[in-house]
Amino acid sequence: MAELSAYCPEFQQTLELLGRRWTGAILRALMSGAERFSEIAAAVPGLSHRLLACRLRELIKAGLVVRIRRGRTALYRLTERGRALRPVFEAVDRWNTRWGVAAPGTA
């Protein structure tokens, strides 16, 4: 691991993108095989369609997700850049398993 400085603007920008409300859950849904808008929405309870559309646009702009037209259907898939986040999500899962941060309302 590289030496950690007190502040890194690129690191901060990445955390702010991934830390936006529902973004992590959307990426997890895509990592789990959801491709259609309705599948992603169903995989993330409480996420409005409007906010899902907004977050998908942000993830497309960031190069993490690509939108593919198949006839009348749009599919959303992780790009290579998005798939490269899998080890990060797995590391967060391991950290959470060890340190047990509970979801709001479940503690």
N, C-alpha and C. Protein backbone atom coordinates (compact mmCIF):
# COMPACT_ATOMS: atom_id res chain seq x y z
N MET A 1 0.85 -1.18 0.00
CA MET A 1 0.00 0.00 0.00
C MET A 1 0.89 1.24 0.00
N ALA A 2 0.52 2.21 -0.78
CA ALA A 2 1.27 3.46 -0.85
C ALA A 2 1.14 4.21 0.48
N GLU A 3 2.11 5.07 0.72
CA GLU A 3 2.09 5.91 1.92
C GLU A 3 0.82 6.77 1.89
N LEU A 4 0.11 6.80 3.00
CA LEU A 4 -1.11 7.60 3.09
C LEU A 4 -0.77 9.02 3.53
N SER A 5 -1.16 9.99 2.74
CA SER A 5 -0.98 11.38 3.13
C SER A 5 -2.22 11.82 3.90
N ALA A 6 -2.12 12.98 4.49
CA ALA A 6 -3.25 13.48 5.28
C ALA A 6 -4.46 13.75 4.40
N TYR A 7 -4.24 14.14 3.15
CA TYR A 7 -5.36 14.44 2.27
C TYR A 7 -4.98 14.11 0.84
N CYS A 8 -5.90 13.48 0.14
CA CYS A 8 -5.72 13.18 -1.27
C CYS A 8 -7.03 13.51 -1.98
N PRO A 9 -7.04 14.52 -2.83
CA PRO A 9 -8.29 14.93 -3.47
C PRO A 9 -8.93 13.84 -4.33
N GLU A 10 -8.13 13.04 -5.00
CA GLU A 10 -8.68 11.97 -5.83
C GLU A 10 -9.37 10.91 -4.97
N PHE A 11 -8.74 10.56 -3.85
CA PHE A 11 -9.32 9.60 -2.91
C PHE A 11 -10.65 10.14 -2.37
N GLN A 12 -10.65 11.40 -1.99
CA GLN A 12 -11.86 12.03 -1.46
C GLN A 12 -12.97 12.03 -2.49
N GLN A 13 -12.63 12.35 -3.73
CA GLN A 13 -13.63 12.38 -4.81
C GLN A 13 -14.22 10.99 -5.02
N THR A 14 -13.39 9.96 -4.99
CA THR A 14 -13.87 8.58 -5.16
C THR A 14 -14.80 8.19 -4.02
N LEU A 15 -14.40 8.48 -2.77
CA LEU A 15 -15.26 8.16 -1.64
C LEU A 15 -16.59 8.90 -1.70
N GLU A 16 -16.56 10.14 -2.14
CA GLU A 16 -17.81 10.89 -2.25
C GLU A 16 -18.72 10.31 -3.32
N LEU A 17 -18.16 9.83 -4.43
CA LEU A 17 -18.98 9.19 -5.46
C LEU A 17 -19.57 7.89 -4.91
N LEU A 18 -18.74 7.03 -4.36
CA LEU A 18 -19.22 5.73 -3.86
C LEU A 18 -20.09 5.87 -2.62
N GLY A 19 -19.89 6.93 -1.87
CA GLY A 19 -20.64 7.12 -0.63
C GLY A 19 -21.96 7.84 -0.79
N ARG A 20 -22.29 8.24 -2.00
CA ARG A 20 -23.59 8.89 -2.20
C ARG A 20 -24.70 7.93 -1.86
N ARG A 21 -25.79 8.45 -1.38
CA ARG A 21 -26.91 7.61 -0.95
C ARG A 21 -27.34 6.66 -2.06
N TRP A 22 -27.41 5.39 -1.74
CA TRP A 22 -27.84 4.29 -2.59
C TRP A 22 -26.82 3.82 -3.62
N THR A 23 -25.73 4.55 -3.83
CA THR A 23 -24.77 4.16 -4.87
C THR A 23 -24.16 2.80 -4.58
N GLY A 24 -23.75 2.56 -3.36
CA GLY A 24 -23.18 1.26 -3.01
C GLY A 24 -24.16 0.13 -3.23
N ALA A 25 -25.41 0.34 -2.87
CA ALA A 25 -26.43 -0.69 -3.05
C ALA A 25 -26.69 -0.96 -4.53
N ILE A 26 -26.66 0.07 -5.33
CA ILE A 26 -26.85 -0.10 -6.78
C ILE A 26 -25.69 -0.88 -7.37
N LEU A 27 -24.49 -0.54 -6.99
CA LEU A 27 -23.32 -1.27 -7.49
C LEU A 27 -23.35 -2.73 -7.04
N ARG A 28 -23.75 -2.98 -5.80
CA ARG A 28 -23.87 -4.37 -5.32
C ARG A 28 -24.90 -5.14 -6.13
N ALA A 29 -26.01 -4.50 -6.44
CA ALA A 29 -27.04 -5.15 -7.25
C ALA A 29 -26.48 -5.52 -8.62
N LEU A 30 -25.74 -4.61 -9.22
CA LEU A 30 -25.13 -4.88 -10.52
C LEU A 30 -24.08 -5.99 -10.40
N MET A 31 -23.31 -6.00 -9.33
CA MET A 31 -22.32 -7.06 -9.11
C MET A 31 -22.99 -8.42 -8.91
N SER A 32 -24.22 -8.39 -8.43
CA SER A 32 -24.97 -9.63 -8.17
C SER A 32 -25.73 -10.13 -9.39
N GLY A 33 -25.65 -9.40 -10.51
CA GLY A 33 -26.27 -9.87 -11.74
C GLY A 33 -27.48 -9.11 -12.22
N ALA A 34 -27.97 -8.15 -11.45
CA ALA A 34 -29.10 -7.34 -11.92
C ALA A 34 -28.64 -6.53 -13.13
N GLU A 35 -29.48 -6.46 -14.16
CA GLU A 35 -29.13 -5.71 -15.36
C GLU A 35 -30.19 -4.70 -15.77
N ARG A 36 -31.43 -5.07 -15.59
CA ARG A 36 -32.52 -4.18 -16.00
C ARG A 36 -32.84 -3.20 -14.88
N PHE A 37 -33.37 -2.07 -15.28
CA PHE A 37 -33.74 -1.03 -14.33
C PHE A 37 -34.64 -1.61 -13.25
N SER A 38 -35.65 -2.39 -13.67
CA SER A 38 -36.60 -2.96 -12.71
C SER A 38 -35.92 -3.95 -11.76
N GLU A 39 -34.94 -4.70 -12.24
CA GLU A 39 -34.21 -5.65 -11.39
C GLU A 39 -33.37 -4.92 -10.34
N ILE A 40 -32.75 -3.84 -10.77
CA ILE A 40 -31.95 -3.04 -9.83
C ILE A 40 -32.87 -2.43 -8.78
N ALA A 41 -33.98 -1.86 -9.23
CA ALA A 41 -34.95 -1.25 -8.30
C ALA A 41 -35.46 -2.28 -7.30
N ALA A 42 -35.76 -3.49 -7.77
CA ALA A 42 -36.27 -4.54 -6.87
C ALA A 42 -35.22 -5.00 -5.87
N ALA A 43 -33.95 -4.92 -6.26
CA ALA A 43 -32.86 -5.38 -5.39
C ALA A 43 -32.53 -4.37 -4.29
N VAL A 44 -33.02 -3.14 -4.43
CA VAL A 44 -32.69 -2.09 -3.46
C VAL A 44 -33.99 -1.51 -2.90
N PRO A 45 -34.52 -2.13 -1.85
CA PRO A 45 -35.77 -1.64 -1.25
C PRO A 45 -35.65 -0.19 -0.77
N GLY A 46 -36.68 0.59 -1.07
CA GLY A 46 -36.70 1.97 -0.61
C GLY A 46 -36.10 2.97 -1.59
N LEU A 47 -35.52 2.50 -2.66
CA LEU A 47 -34.92 3.38 -3.65
C LEU A 47 -35.97 3.79 -4.68
N SER A 48 -36.18 5.09 -4.83
CA SER A 48 -37.16 5.57 -5.81
C SER A 48 -36.61 5.43 -7.22
N HIS A 49 -37.51 5.30 -8.17
CA HIS A 49 -37.09 5.19 -9.58
C HIS A 49 -36.37 6.45 -10.03
N ARG A 50 -36.84 7.58 -9.56
CA ARG A 50 -36.20 8.85 -9.92
C ARG A 50 -34.75 8.91 -9.45
N LEU A 51 -34.52 8.51 -8.20
CA LEU A 51 -33.15 8.55 -7.67
C LEU A 51 -32.29 7.47 -8.33
N LEU A 52 -32.87 6.30 -8.61
CA LEU A 52 -32.12 5.25 -9.31
C LEU A 52 -31.66 5.77 -10.67
N ALA A 53 -32.53 6.41 -11.40
CA ALA A 53 -32.16 6.96 -12.72
C ALA A 53 -31.03 7.98 -12.58
N CYS A 54 -31.11 8.82 -11.57
CA CYS A 54 -30.09 9.83 -11.32
C CYS A 54 -28.75 9.17 -11.01
N ARG A 55 -28.76 8.18 -10.11
CA ARG A 55 -27.51 7.51 -9.72
C ARG A 55 -26.92 6.74 -10.90
N LEU A 56 -27.76 6.10 -11.69
CA LEU A 56 -27.24 5.39 -12.86
C LEU A 56 -26.57 6.36 -13.82
N ARG A 57 -27.14 7.52 -14.03
CA ARG A 57 -26.50 8.54 -14.89
C ARG A 57 -25.14 8.94 -14.34
N GLU A 58 -25.06 9.13 -13.01
CA GLU A 58 -23.78 9.49 -12.39
C GLU A 58 -22.75 8.38 -12.57
N LEU A 59 -23.18 7.13 -12.39
CA LEU A 59 -22.26 6.00 -12.53
C LEU A 59 -21.81 5.81 -13.97
N ILE A 60 -22.70 6.10 -14.92
CA ILE A 60 -22.32 6.05 -16.33
C ILE A 60 -21.30 7.14 -16.63
N LYS A 61 -21.56 8.35 -16.14
CA LYS A 61 -20.64 9.47 -16.35
C LYS A 61 -19.27 9.18 -15.75
N ALA A 62 -19.24 8.49 -14.61
CA ALA A 62 -17.98 8.16 -13.94
C ALA A 62 -17.27 6.98 -14.60
N GLY A 63 -17.92 6.34 -15.56
CA GLY A 63 -17.29 5.23 -16.26
C GLY A 63 -17.38 3.90 -15.54
N LEU A 64 -18.27 3.79 -14.54
CA LEU A 64 -18.41 2.54 -13.79
C LEU A 64 -19.49 1.64 -14.35
N VAL A 65 -20.44 2.24 -15.07
CA VAL A 65 -21.59 1.51 -15.62
C VAL A 65 -21.77 1.93 -17.07
N VAL A 66 -22.25 0.99 -17.87
CA VAL A 66 -22.58 1.27 -19.25
C VAL A 66 -24.03 0.89 -19.48
N ARG A 67 -24.72 1.68 -20.30
CA ARG A 67 -26.12 1.41 -20.65
C ARG A 67 -26.12 0.83 -22.06
N ILE A 68 -26.75 -0.33 -22.20
CA ILE A 68 -26.79 -1.03 -23.48
C ILE A 68 -28.25 -1.15 -23.91
N ARG A 69 -28.54 -0.72 -25.14
CA ARG A 69 -29.90 -0.85 -25.68
C ARG A 69 -30.03 -2.20 -26.35
N ARG A 70 -31.05 -2.96 -25.95
CA ARG A 70 -31.40 -4.22 -26.60
C ARG A 70 -32.85 -4.11 -27.03
N GLY A 71 -33.06 -3.65 -28.26
CA GLY A 71 -34.43 -3.42 -28.72
C GLY A 71 -35.07 -2.32 -27.89
N ARG A 72 -36.17 -2.66 -27.25
CA ARG A 72 -36.89 -1.68 -26.41
C ARG A 72 -36.40 -1.71 -24.96
N THR A 73 -35.45 -2.58 -24.68
CA THR A 73 -34.97 -2.75 -23.31
C THR A 73 -33.59 -2.13 -23.14
N ALA A 74 -33.36 -1.51 -22.00
CA ALA A 74 -32.04 -0.99 -21.66
C ALA A 74 -31.46 -1.88 -20.57
N LEU A 75 -30.22 -2.26 -20.75
CA LEU A 75 -29.50 -3.05 -19.75
C LEU A 75 -28.39 -2.20 -19.18
N TYR A 76 -28.12 -2.39 -17.91
CA TYR A 76 -27.04 -1.68 -17.24
C TYR A 76 -26.02 -2.71 -16.78
N ARG A 77 -24.77 -2.48 -17.14
CA ARG A 77 -23.71 -3.42 -16.77
C ARG A 77 -22.51 -2.65 -16.26
N LEU A 78 -21.79 -3.29 -15.37
CA LEU A 78 -20.55 -2.70 -14.89
C LEU A 78 -19.51 -2.73 -16.00
N THR A 79 -18.75 -1.67 -16.09
CA THR A 79 -17.62 -1.63 -17.00
C THR A 79 -16.45 -2.36 -16.31
N GLU A 80 -15.35 -2.49 -17.00
CA GLU A 80 -14.16 -3.08 -16.37
C GLU A 80 -13.79 -2.28 -15.13
N ARG A 81 -13.89 -0.98 -15.24
CA ARG A 81 -13.59 -0.09 -14.12
C ARG A 81 -14.53 -0.36 -12.95
N GLY A 82 -15.81 -0.56 -13.24
CA GLY A 82 -16.79 -0.87 -12.19
C GLY A 82 -16.55 -2.23 -11.58
N ARG A 83 -16.25 -3.23 -12.42
CA ARG A 83 -15.97 -4.58 -11.91
C ARG A 83 -14.73 -4.61 -11.03
N ALA A 84 -13.81 -3.70 -11.28
CA ALA A 84 -12.58 -3.63 -10.48
C ALA A 84 -12.86 -3.22 -9.04
N LEU A 85 -14.06 -2.73 -8.76
CA LEU A 85 -14.43 -2.37 -7.38
C LEU A 85 -14.83 -3.58 -6.54
N ARG A 86 -15.04 -4.74 -7.15
CA ARG A 86 -15.47 -5.92 -6.39
C ARG A 86 -14.57 -6.20 -5.18
N PRO A 87 -13.23 -6.21 -5.32
CA PRO A 87 -12.41 -6.46 -4.14
C PRO A 87 -12.59 -5.41 -3.05
N VAL A 88 -12.90 -4.19 -3.43
CA VAL A 88 -13.15 -3.14 -2.44
C VAL A 88 -14.42 -3.46 -1.67
N PHE A 89 -15.48 -3.86 -2.38
CA PHE A 89 -16.74 -4.22 -1.73
C PHE A 89 -16.55 -5.45 -0.85
N GLU A 90 -15.79 -6.42 -1.32
CA GLU A 90 -15.51 -7.62 -0.50
C GLU A 90 -14.74 -7.25 0.76
N ALA A 91 -13.79 -6.31 0.64
CA ALA A 91 -13.03 -5.87 1.81
C ALA A 91 -13.93 -5.16 2.81
N VAL A 92 -14.85 -4.34 2.32
CA VAL A 92 -15.80 -3.67 3.22
C VAL A 92 -16.70 -4.70 3.89
N ASP A 93 -17.13 -5.72 3.15
CA ASP A 93 -17.93 -6.80 3.75
C ASP A 93 -17.16 -7.50 4.87
N ARG A 94 -15.89 -7.80 4.61
CA ARG A 94 -15.07 -8.45 5.66
C ARG A 94 -14.92 -7.53 6.87
N TRP A 95 -14.67 -6.26 6.63
CA TRP A 95 -14.53 -5.31 7.72
C TRP A 95 -15.82 -5.25 8.53
N ASN A 96 -16.96 -5.19 7.83
CA ASN A 96 -18.25 -5.10 8.51
C ASN A 96 -18.55 -6.37 9.29
N THR A 97 -18.19 -7.52 8.76
CA THR A 97 -18.39 -8.78 9.48
C THR A 97 -17.59 -8.77 10.78
N ARG A 98 -16.37 -8.28 10.72
CA ARG A 98 -15.53 -8.26 11.92
C ARG A 98 -15.97 -7.20 12.92
N TRP A 99 -16.29 -6.02 12.45
CA TRP A 99 -16.55 -4.91 13.36
C TRP A 99 -18.03 -4.65 13.58
N GLY A 100 -18.90 -5.25 12.79
CA GLY A 100 -20.32 -5.28 13.05
C GLY A 100 -21.06 -3.97 13.05
N VAL A 101 -20.83 -3.13 12.08
CA VAL A 101 -21.62 -1.90 11.96
C VAL A 101 -23.02 -2.29 11.50
N ALA A 102 -24.01 -2.01 12.32
CA ALA A 102 -25.39 -2.40 12.00
C ALA A 102 -26.06 -1.36 11.14
N ALA A 103 -26.96 -1.82 10.30
CA ALA A 103 -27.77 -0.91 9.50
C ALA A 103 -28.70 -0.14 10.43
N PRO A 104 -29.06 1.10 10.08
CA PRO A 104 -29.97 1.87 10.93
C PRO A 104 -31.26 1.11 11.18
N GLY A 105 -31.68 1.12 12.43
CA GLY A 105 -32.93 0.46 12.80
C GLY A 105 -32.80 -1.02 13.08
N THR A 106 -31.56 -1.60 12.96
CA THR A 106 -31.38 -3.03 13.21
C THR A 106 -30.56 -3.29 14.47
N ALA A 107 -30.08 -2.26 15.10
CA ALA A 107 -29.22 -2.46 16.27
C ALA A 107 -30.04 -2.73 17.52
